[in-house]
Amino acid sequence: MVIGEALPADWMDELVVQLTGTPLLHWVGVACGVVQVLLAKTNNVLLYPFGIASIVITIYVLNEAGLYAEILLNLYYLVMSVYGWAYWLKRSGDEPVKASYASAREWGIALLIVALGFPVLYGALVRFTDSTVPVWDAWVSATAWAGMWLLAKRKIENWILLNVSNAFAIPLFVYKGLHLYALLTLFLFIVAIFGYFEWKRIINRERAGA
C-alpha cells in the first residue's frame, strides 16, 4: 500500500473488513493491552499482569504471521514486564517504589538503549529478514525499548519515549495497511499524553505531602 493511494471511503471499508474478520484471540490481546495502558496511566501495578497476557497473545499471533523480528521485540517487552512487576511490588519491610523523574544517569541509560538498539535492530532486519522498512521499524522498536525500561523503573519520562515510538508507529502501520493497529496505537498515544500529566500530578502530590 502506498501512502495517499486509497480514498477515505476505501480506508474505512478496509478497516471494517479488518474489524469483522479479526479473530477473538486478537481482540483479547488488544483488550489486555488497552487495560494495561489505562492502568499505567493511573500508576497501578496491575498493569503488568494485563500487559504480560497481551504480550503472550501477541507473540502467538506474530508467530502465526511469520513476523519474527516483532517477536524479538515482544520477548523484550515480556522480560521487562516481568522485571518491572517484580520491581514495583512492595517487599517486606521496604517502601513501595514511587513514580519519579529520571536522573541524569537514568536518562543516559535510556538514550544508550536507543543508540545501541537502533543499529543492532537495523542490522538484524537487513541481514535476517525481508523487511521493506528496516530504518523505520528499528527506530520504533529502539525507542520503545528505552521507554519500557523507564516504565519498569517507574520514571515519568517513559511516556515521552513511548510516545516517540507511537508517533512513528502510527504512520508505519498505515503504510503497511494495518489500520486496526494504527488506530490502537493512536489510542495509546493519546492515553500516554494523559498518563504523563497524571504521573506528574501524583509526583507533585507526594512531594507536597512529604
Protein backbone atom coordinates (compact mmCIF):
# COMPACT_ATOMS: atom_id res chain seq x y z
CA MET A 1 0.00 0.00 0.00
CA VAL A 2 1.30 3.50 -0.89
CA ILE A 3 0.50 6.41 1.41
CA GLY A 4 -2.22 8.52 -0.15
CA GLU A 5 -3.25 5.77 -2.57
CA ALA A 6 -6.63 4.97 -1.03
CA LEU A 7 -9.58 7.33 -0.72
CA PRO A 8 -11.09 7.84 2.77
CA ALA A 9 -14.03 5.61 1.85
CA ASP A 10 -11.66 2.83 0.81
CA TRP A 11 -9.78 3.24 4.08
CA MET A 12 -12.99 2.89 6.09
CA ASP A 13 -14.11 -0.12 4.05
CA GLU A 14 -10.79 -1.84 4.66
CA LEU A 15 -10.98 -1.03 8.37
CA VAL A 16 -14.46 -2.54 8.65
CA VAL A 17 -13.26 -5.69 6.85
CA GLN A 18 -10.33 -5.99 9.27
CA LEU A 19 -12.54 -5.46 12.32
CA THR A 20 -15.15 -8.02 11.30
CA GLY A 21 -12.50 -10.56 10.29
CA THR A 22 -10.34 -10.25 13.40
CA PRO A 23 -10.22 -13.50 15.44
CA LEU A 24 -11.41 -13.43 19.05
CA LEU A 25 -7.92 -14.13 20.38
CA HIS A 26 -6.67 -10.95 18.71
CA TRP A 27 -9.41 -8.94 20.39
CA VAL A 28 -8.50 -10.42 23.80
CA GLY A 29 -4.86 -9.44 23.26
CA VAL A 30 -5.80 -5.91 22.21
CA ALA A 31 -8.22 -5.56 25.16
CA CYS A 32 -5.49 -6.60 27.60
CA GLY A 33 -3.16 -4.07 26.01
CA VAL A 34 -5.74 -1.29 26.39
CA VAL A 35 -6.34 -2.19 30.04
CA GLN A 36 -2.58 -2.23 30.60
CA VAL A 37 -2.03 1.31 29.36
CA LEU A 38 -5.05 2.64 31.27
CA LEU A 39 -3.67 1.09 34.47
CA ALA A 40 -0.22 2.50 33.68
CA LYS A 41 -1.82 5.94 33.34
CA THR A 42 -3.06 5.69 36.93
CA ASN A 43 0.28 4.30 38.16
CA ASN A 44 -1.32 0.93 39.08
CA VAL A 45 0.94 -2.12 39.37
CA LEU A 46 -1.82 -4.33 37.92
CA LEU A 47 -0.77 -3.01 34.51
CA TYR A 48 1.85 -5.77 34.42
CA PRO A 49 -0.31 -8.93 34.52
CA PHE A 50 -2.56 -7.48 31.81
CA GLY A 51 0.49 -6.42 29.84
CA ILE A 52 2.06 -9.86 30.10
CA ALA A 53 -1.17 -11.50 28.91
CA SER A 54 -1.29 -9.13 25.93
CA ILE A 55 2.36 -9.81 25.05
CA VAL A 56 1.98 -13.59 25.20
CA ILE A 57 -1.05 -13.45 22.89
CA THR A 58 0.75 -11.04 20.56
CA ILE A 59 3.78 -13.35 20.32
CA TYR A 60 1.46 -16.21 19.34
CA VAL A 61 -0.23 -14.06 16.69
CA LEU A 62 3.10 -12.79 15.31
CA ASN A 63 4.46 -16.33 15.12
CA GLU A 64 1.45 -17.38 13.04
CA ALA A 65 2.09 -14.42 10.75
CA GLY A 66 5.84 -15.16 10.48
CA LEU A 67 6.83 -11.72 11.84
CA TYR A 68 9.90 -12.90 13.70
CA ALA A 69 11.59 -9.52 14.22
CA GLU A 70 8.49 -8.25 16.03
CA ILE A 71 8.53 -11.40 18.16
CA LEU A 72 12.01 -10.42 19.38
CA LEU A 73 10.72 -7.01 20.43
CA ASN A 74 7.79 -8.56 22.27
CA LEU A 75 10.09 -11.02 24.04
CA TYR A 76 11.97 -7.96 25.30
CA TYR A 77 8.65 -6.48 26.43
CA LEU A 78 7.92 -9.72 28.26
CA VAL A 79 11.25 -9.72 30.10
CA MET A 80 10.92 -6.03 31.03
CA SER A 81 7.32 -6.55 32.16
CA VAL A 82 8.30 -9.40 34.48
CA TYR A 83 11.22 -7.31 35.78
CA GLY A 84 9.02 -4.23 36.19
CA TRP A 85 6.33 -6.18 38.03
CA ALA A 86 8.89 -7.55 40.48
CA TYR A 87 10.48 -4.10 40.86
CA TRP A 88 7.17 -2.39 41.57
CA LEU A 89 5.93 -4.90 44.12
CA LYS A 90 6.39 -3.92 47.75
CA ARG A 91 8.89 -6.18 49.50
CA SER A 92 8.62 -6.97 53.19
CA GLY A 93 9.93 -4.06 55.24
CA ASP A 94 10.58 -1.87 52.17
CA GLU A 95 8.78 1.18 50.87
CA PRO A 96 6.94 0.70 47.58
CA VAL A 97 8.62 2.17 44.52
CA LYS A 98 7.16 5.58 43.75
CA ALA A 99 6.81 7.40 40.45
CA SER A 100 9.60 9.93 39.98
CA TYR A 101 11.64 11.85 37.46
CA ALA A 102 14.60 10.13 35.84
CA SER A 103 18.07 11.10 36.99
CA ALA A 104 20.77 12.16 34.54
CA ARG A 105 22.23 8.65 34.78
CA GLU A 106 18.87 7.01 34.03
CA TRP A 107 18.34 9.34 31.07
CA GLY A 108 21.80 8.37 29.87
CA ILE A 109 20.95 4.68 30.06
CA ALA A 110 17.67 5.24 28.19
CA LEU A 111 19.44 7.15 25.42
CA LEU A 112 22.14 4.47 25.29
CA ILE A 113 19.44 1.85 24.76
CA VAL A 114 18.23 3.83 21.75
CA ALA A 115 21.76 4.49 20.44
CA LEU A 116 22.77 0.83 20.64
CA GLY A 117 19.40 -0.77 19.96
CA PHE A 118 18.71 1.13 16.74
CA PRO A 119 21.77 -0.01 14.74
CA VAL A 120 21.57 -3.55 16.14
CA LEU A 121 17.92 -3.89 15.16
CA TYR A 122 18.51 -2.27 11.78
CA GLY A 123 21.38 -4.65 11.03
CA ALA A 124 19.33 -7.66 12.10
CA LEU A 125 16.35 -6.61 9.98
CA VAL A 126 18.52 -6.03 6.90
CA ARG A 127 20.52 -9.23 7.29
CA PHE A 128 17.98 -11.75 8.54
CA THR A 129 14.57 -10.52 7.31
CA ASP A 130 12.93 -9.24 4.15
CA SER A 131 11.79 -6.03 5.86
CA THR A 132 11.00 -3.20 3.46
CA VAL A 133 11.19 -0.55 6.22
CA PRO A 134 14.21 -1.54 8.36
CA VAL A 135 15.13 2.01 9.42
CA TRP A 136 11.56 2.90 10.38
CA ASP A 137 10.94 -0.41 12.13
CA ALA A 138 14.26 -0.29 14.02
CA TRP A 139 13.60 3.26 15.25
CA VAL A 140 10.11 2.41 16.51
CA SER A 141 11.47 -0.61 18.37
CA ALA A 142 14.57 1.06 19.85
CA THR A 143 12.62 3.99 21.31
CA ALA A 144 10.02 1.57 22.67
CA TRP A 145 12.79 -0.44 24.36
CA ALA A 146 14.04 2.67 26.14
CA GLY A 147 10.51 3.67 27.15
CA MET A 148 9.80 0.23 28.59
CA TRP A 149 13.00 0.38 30.65
CA LEU A 150 11.95 3.73 32.15
CA LEU A 151 8.45 2.38 32.82
CA ALA A 152 9.97 -0.57 34.67
CA LYS A 153 11.96 1.92 36.80
CA ARG A 154 8.72 3.89 37.34
CA LYS A 155 10.08 7.05 35.73
CA ILE A 156 7.67 9.60 34.29
CA GLU A 157 9.79 10.08 31.18
CA ASN A 158 8.72 6.63 29.98
CA TRP A 159 5.66 8.32 28.49
CA ILE A 160 7.86 10.61 26.38
CA LEU A 161 9.89 7.84 24.78
CA LEU A 162 6.91 5.55 24.35
CA ASN A 163 5.11 8.34 22.52
CA VAL A 164 8.11 8.99 20.30
CA SER A 165 7.78 5.33 19.33
CA ASN A 166 3.99 5.61 18.94
CA ALA A 167 4.29 8.73 16.76
CA PHE A 168 6.39 6.83 14.22
CA ALA A 169 4.46 3.56 14.61
CA ILE A 170 1.10 5.07 13.59
CA PRO A 171 2.09 6.03 10.02
CA LEU A 172 4.16 2.84 9.77
CA PHE A 173 1.07 0.70 10.44
CA VAL A 174 -0.96 2.77 7.96
CA TYR A 175 1.77 2.32 5.35
CA LYS A 176 1.61 -1.45 5.86
CA GLY A 177 -2.18 -1.44 5.66
CA LEU A 178 -2.61 -2.38 9.34
CA HIS A 179 -5.31 0.18 10.07
CA LEU A 180 -6.64 -1.55 13.17
CA TYR A 181 -3.24 -1.43 14.82
CA ALA A 182 -2.77 2.18 13.67
CA LEU A 183 -5.99 3.11 15.48
CA LEU A 184 -4.91 1.19 18.59
CA THR A 185 -1.54 2.96 18.59
CA LEU A 186 -3.27 6.33 18.16
CA PHE A 187 -5.36 5.48 21.23
CA LEU A 188 -2.20 4.57 23.14
CA PHE A 189 -0.59 7.83 22.02
CA ILE A 190 -3.48 9.88 23.43
CA VAL A 191 -3.59 7.90 26.68
CA ALA A 192 0.17 8.35 27.10
CA ILE A 193 -0.25 12.14 27.00
CA PHE A 194 -2.78 11.95 29.82
CA GLY A 195 -0.58 9.41 31.57
CA TYR A 196 2.33 11.83 31.67
CA PHE A 197 0.28 14.57 33.31
CA GLU A 198 -1.38 12.10 35.69
CA TRP A 199 2.03 10.85 36.86
CA LYS A 200 3.21 14.46 37.18
CA ARG A 201 0.23 15.21 39.42
CA ILE A 202 0.98 12.13 41.53
CA ILE A 203 4.64 13.11 41.92
CA ASN A 204 3.78 16.69 42.87
CA ARG A 205 1.18 15.49 45.39
CA GLU A 206 3.66 13.11 47.02
CA ARG A 207 6.28 15.85 47.18
CA ALA A 208 3.80 18.24 48.77
CA GLY A 209 2.88 15.62 51.38
CA ALA A 210 6.50 14.79 52.20
